Protein backbone atom coordinates (compact mmCIF):
# COMPACT_ATOMS: atom_id res chain seq x y z
CA MET A 1 16.67 137.47 120.68
CA ASN A 2 16.20 141.17 119.47
CA THR A 3 16.40 143.84 121.97
CA ALA A 4 15.19 147.05 121.00
CA ARG A 5 17.62 149.61 119.35
CA LEU A 6 15.48 152.76 119.76
CA SER A 7 12.48 153.19 121.64
CA LEU A 8 10.13 156.08 121.95
CA THR A 9 7.86 156.13 125.02
CA GLY A 10 4.82 158.84 125.54
CA VAL A 11 6.85 160.96 122.95
CA HIS A 12 4.86 164.24 122.14
CA THR A 13 6.02 167.15 119.75
CA HIS A 14 4.58 170.63 119.39
CA ILE A 15 5.54 172.58 116.14
CA GLY A 16 4.89 176.14 117.25
CA ALA A 17 1.28 176.00 118.42
CA TYR A 18 0.57 172.94 116.85
CA HIS A 19 0.62 169.55 118.76
CA ILE A 20 1.65 167.16 116.18
CA LEU A 21 2.46 163.66 118.21
CA HIS A 22 0.27 162.73 121.10
CA GLY A 23 2.49 160.33 123.15
CA VAL A 24 3.83 158.15 120.32
CA ASP A 25 5.19 154.56 121.49
CA LEU A 26 7.43 153.09 119.38
CA THR A 27 9.84 150.15 119.54
CA VAL A 28 12.51 149.31 116.67
CA PRO A 29 14.21 146.10 116.98
CA ARG A 30 17.90 145.79 116.91
CA GLY A 31 18.94 144.26 113.58
CA GLN A 32 15.36 144.57 111.86
CA LEU A 33 13.63 146.59 109.49
CA THR A 34 10.93 148.28 110.50
CA LEU A 35 8.13 149.72 108.47
CA LEU A 36 6.31 153.31 109.69
CA LEU A 37 3.27 153.26 107.89
CA GLY A 38 0.04 155.58 107.88
CA ARG A 39 -1.97 157.87 106.18
CA ASN A 40 -0.75 161.42 105.06
CA GLY A 41 -0.82 163.84 108.02
CA ALA A 42 -0.35 161.35 110.78
CA GLY A 43 2.66 161.96 112.21
CA LYS A 44 5.07 159.84 110.64
CA THR A 45 7.78 162.64 109.36
CA THR A 46 7.50 164.41 112.71
CA THR A 47 8.20 161.29 114.22
CA LEU A 48 11.49 160.84 112.33
CA ARG A 49 12.44 164.54 112.53
CA THR A 50 11.76 163.99 116.21
CA ILE A 51 14.20 161.21 116.53
CA MET A 52 17.02 162.71 115.06
CA GLY A 53 16.20 165.96 117.49
CA LEU A 54 15.30 168.54 114.39
CA TRP A 55 12.29 168.80 116.26
CA LYS A 56 12.23 168.69 120.04
CA ALA A 57 10.20 166.24 122.01
CA SER A 58 8.11 168.61 124.15
CA ALA A 59 7.43 165.24 126.48
CA GLY A 60 8.18 161.51 126.78
CA THR A 61 11.36 159.57 126.26
CA LEU A 62 13.57 158.51 123.57
CA THR A 63 16.38 156.10 124.03
CA PHE A 64 18.94 154.57 121.43
CA ASP A 65 20.92 151.74 122.89
CA GLY A 66 19.72 152.66 126.37
CA GLN A 67 21.12 156.48 126.25
CA ASP A 68 18.72 159.56 126.20
CA LEU A 69 18.41 161.00 123.16
CA ASN A 70 16.51 163.83 124.96
CA ALA A 71 19.97 164.88 125.93
CA LEU A 72 21.48 165.12 122.65
CA ASP A 73 21.55 167.83 119.70
CA THR A 74 21.32 166.40 116.03
CA PRO A 75 25.06 166.16 115.38
CA GLN A 76 25.83 164.00 118.70
CA ARG A 77 22.68 161.51 117.55
CA ALA A 78 24.39 161.42 114.32
CA ARG A 79 27.72 160.83 116.05
CA LEU A 80 26.14 157.89 117.47
CA GLY A 81 25.94 156.27 114.24
CA ILE A 82 22.26 157.65 113.34
CA ALA A 83 21.61 158.57 109.66
CA TYR A 84 18.76 160.13 108.26
CA VAL A 85 17.36 160.52 105.09
CA PRO A 86 14.53 162.78 104.59
CA GLU A 87 11.63 162.86 102.26
CA SER A 88 13.20 166.23 100.88
CA MET A 89 16.40 164.70 99.90
CA GLY A 90 18.51 167.49 101.93
CA ILE A 91 21.47 167.49 99.49
CA PHE A 92 23.56 170.37 98.81
CA ALA A 93 22.95 171.33 95.41
CA ASP A 94 25.85 173.40 94.29
CA LEU A 95 28.16 170.55 95.38
CA THR A 96 28.81 167.77 93.29
CA VAL A 97 28.06 164.27 93.90
CA LYS A 98 31.25 163.36 95.48
CA GLU A 99 31.38 166.52 97.38
CA ASN A 100 27.92 165.55 98.91
CA LEU A 101 29.37 161.93 99.72
CA THR A 102 32.46 163.32 100.99
CA LEU A 103 30.75 165.67 103.55
CA ALA A 104 28.47 162.62 105.18
CA ALA A 105 31.61 160.64 105.94
CA GLN A 106 32.86 161.55 109.06
CA SER A 107 36.40 159.61 108.75
CA ALA A 108 37.30 161.33 105.50
CA ARG A 109 38.45 164.93 104.61
CA HIS A 110 38.45 164.44 100.91
CA ALA A 111 37.25 161.73 98.52
CA GLY A 112 40.44 160.10 98.13
CA GLU A 113 39.89 158.78 101.83
CA LEU A 114 36.30 156.91 101.11
CA ASP A 115 36.57 153.66 101.48
CA SER A 116 37.01 152.49 98.02
CA ALA A 117 35.52 148.94 98.68
CA ARG A 118 32.05 150.79 99.96
CA LEU A 119 32.10 153.13 97.17
CA GLU A 120 31.95 150.52 94.57
CA TRP A 121 29.23 148.62 96.65
CA ILE A 122 27.23 151.85 96.36
CA PHE A 123 27.93 152.66 92.53
CA ALA A 124 26.76 149.03 91.91
CA LYS A 125 23.56 149.86 93.62
CA PHE A 126 22.88 152.90 92.44
CA PRO A 127 24.77 153.42 88.76
CA ALA A 128 23.82 157.11 88.72
CA VAL A 129 25.71 158.05 91.83
CA LYS A 130 29.02 157.08 89.68
CA THR A 131 27.91 158.46 86.12
CA PHE A 132 27.28 161.74 87.82
CA TRP A 133 30.12 161.52 90.22
CA ASN A 134 31.17 165.23 89.05
CA TYR A 135 28.16 166.90 88.21
CA PRO A 136 26.61 169.43 90.70
CA ALA A 137 23.82 167.37 92.62
CA GLY A 138 21.09 169.90 92.11
CA LYS A 139 21.10 169.33 88.41
CA LEU A 140 20.29 165.77 88.52
CA SER A 141 16.51 164.55 88.09
CA GLY A 142 14.30 163.57 91.35
CA GLY A 143 15.12 160.08 91.30
CA GLN A 144 18.83 160.70 90.77
CA LYS A 145 19.03 162.97 93.66
CA GLN A 146 17.15 160.42 95.79
CA MET A 147 19.59 157.79 95.05
CA VAL A 148 22.41 160.29 96.25
CA SER A 149 20.43 161.03 99.30
CA VAL A 150 20.26 157.39 99.94
CA ALA A 151 24.26 156.63 98.94
CA ARG A 152 25.12 159.78 101.35
CA ALA A 153 23.69 158.31 104.67
CA ILE A 154 25.23 154.68 103.92
CA VAL A 155 28.84 155.86 102.53
CA GLU A 156 29.51 154.80 106.19
CA PRO A 157 28.43 151.76 108.15
CA ARG A 158 26.00 153.20 110.29
CA GLU A 159 24.19 151.58 113.04
CA LEU A 160 20.77 153.01 112.72
CA LEU A 161 19.22 154.31 109.14
CA ILE A 162 16.23 156.29 109.10
CA VAL A 163 14.73 156.66 105.67
CA ASP A 164 11.77 158.76 104.70
CA GLU A 165 9.64 157.51 101.32
CA PRO A 166 13.17 156.04 99.76
CA SER A 167 11.15 154.68 96.58
CA LYS A 168 9.61 158.08 95.70
CA GLY A 169 10.35 158.57 92.08
CA LEU A 170 12.53 156.00 91.34
CA ALA A 171 11.88 153.51 88.45
CA PRO A 172 11.33 149.98 88.91
CA SER A 173 14.54 149.01 88.56
CA ILE A 174 16.45 151.08 90.77
CA ILE A 175 13.43 150.34 93.59
CA ASP A 176 14.91 146.65 93.37
CA ASN A 177 18.36 148.06 93.74
CA MET A 178 17.38 149.75 96.83
CA ILE A 179 15.51 146.94 98.38
CA ASP A 180 18.77 144.66 97.47
CA ALA A 181 21.00 147.38 99.05
CA PHE A 182 18.36 147.50 102.34
CA ALA A 183 18.12 143.80 102.50
CA GLU A 184 22.01 143.56 102.74
CA LEU A 185 22.61 146.50 105.39
CA LYS A 186 20.26 144.40 107.34
CA SER A 187 22.27 141.11 107.03
CA GLN A 188 25.52 142.94 108.36
CA GLY A 189 23.16 144.22 111.29
CA VAL A 190 22.04 147.48 110.58
CA THR A 191 18.94 148.54 112.02
CA ILE A 192 16.53 150.52 109.58
CA LEU A 193 13.28 152.70 110.37
CA LEU A 194 11.34 153.25 107.30
CA VAL A 195 8.55 155.67 106.11
CA GLU A 196 7.42 154.01 102.55
CA GLN A 197 4.17 154.25 100.79
CA ASN A 198 4.92 151.98 98.26
CA LEU A 199 3.57 148.76 100.26
CA GLU A 200 4.88 146.27 97.86
CA PHE A 201 8.23 147.76 98.89
CA ALA A 202 7.41 147.40 102.30
CA LYS A 203 6.04 143.60 102.02
CA ARG A 204 9.31 142.75 100.69
CA LEU A 205 11.41 144.25 103.03
CA GLY A 206 9.63 144.53 106.46
CA ASP A 207 10.02 142.51 109.37
CA THR A 208 7.99 144.96 111.99
CA VAL A 209 5.50 147.61 111.21
CA ALA A 210 4.00 150.28 112.83
CA VAL A 211 0.74 152.46 112.01
CA MET A 212 0.28 155.76 113.01
CA ASP A 213 -2.96 157.83 112.80
CA ASP A 214 -3.65 161.40 114.34
CA GLY A 215 0.02 161.41 115.82
CA ARG A 216 -0.12 158.01 117.48
CA VAL A 217 0.84 154.77 116.91
CA VAL A 218 -2.34 152.28 116.57
CA HIS A 219 -0.76 149.54 115.57
CA ALA A 220 2.43 147.30 115.80
CA GLY A 221 3.55 144.15 115.11
CA THR A 222 5.20 141.78 112.36
CA MET A 223 4.82 142.75 108.75
CA ALA A 224 3.76 139.27 107.72
CA GLY A 225 1.15 139.28 110.01
CA PHE A 226 0.13 142.75 108.61
CA VAL A 227 0.08 141.43 104.98
CA GLU A 228 -1.95 138.54 106.04
CA ASP A 229 -4.95 140.65 107.69
CA GLU A 230 -6.58 142.32 104.86
CA GLU A 231 -9.30 143.65 107.34
CA LEU A 232 -6.63 145.50 109.66
CA GLN A 233 -4.87 147.13 106.41
CA GLN A 234 -8.38 148.45 105.34
CA ARG A 235 -9.28 149.82 108.80
CA LEU A 236 -6.00 151.39 109.46
CA MET A 237 -4.99 153.01 106.35
CA GLY A 238 -7.86 152.25 103.91
CA LEU A 239 -5.60 150.07 101.55
CA ALA A 240 -4.74 146.68 100.45
CA ILE A 241 -1.02 145.30 100.38
C-alpha cells in the first residue's frame, strides 16, 4: 500500500502583495512519480518553491514523512533528502561541472569522495556531464546545463526529487535518457514530483497526476485515467495527450 510521502493541505502562498496559491491540497505517494500539470501561471512553480521553503506558506500544512515542513528552513528540508531542480536550473556558472556536482554532495568534501559507481551511472545517462566535467558550467548550452542541474540533484541518493520542467531544451535522445534515469530512480524507491509540459514525457513516466488552475489543484487521480479521458484533458488544459 502506498502512503503519502509528501502532503500539502490548504496551502496558501503570498509573494509580496500577490496571493498566488489559494489552498493547495496535494498528495505525493511514496515511491511513485506524480505529475503536476496546468496552464502557465496556474501556480505549479510556486507550489514547488513553497515545498522547498524558498517561499513561505502563509497558511496550511506541509508534511514530509509526517514531519512538519513549515517548521524547517530550506537547508533543513534538503537534509531530509529532498532535492529540487528549478526551471532556471540554478547552476553555479563560474564553477566547473565537477565543482557543481561536488557542492551538491553532502557527504563529499572534494570530487574524489563522490560515489564513483553513481557517477558512472550519471555519465551513462547524461554524457555531456562527463564530456564537460572540467568546463565552466556557465559556458554550456541550455540543454547541457539542464543535464548538469538534474545530475547535481541525483549525485547522491535522495528520498524526494522535485523537478521543474526537466525536458525543456533537451534533444529527444537526451529526453529518452532522462526518462530512463527517472524510471530507474523510481524503481529504487525514490519519490518524484515533476512539473512537465512535454505530455508524452508525462504519459510515459507518471503514476499519479494533479492539475492546477488559478492557484488550486482542480483534479487529482491516476495518470492512466487522465490519459484515457480526452474530455478531461481538454477541459482542464486545453490540450490532448
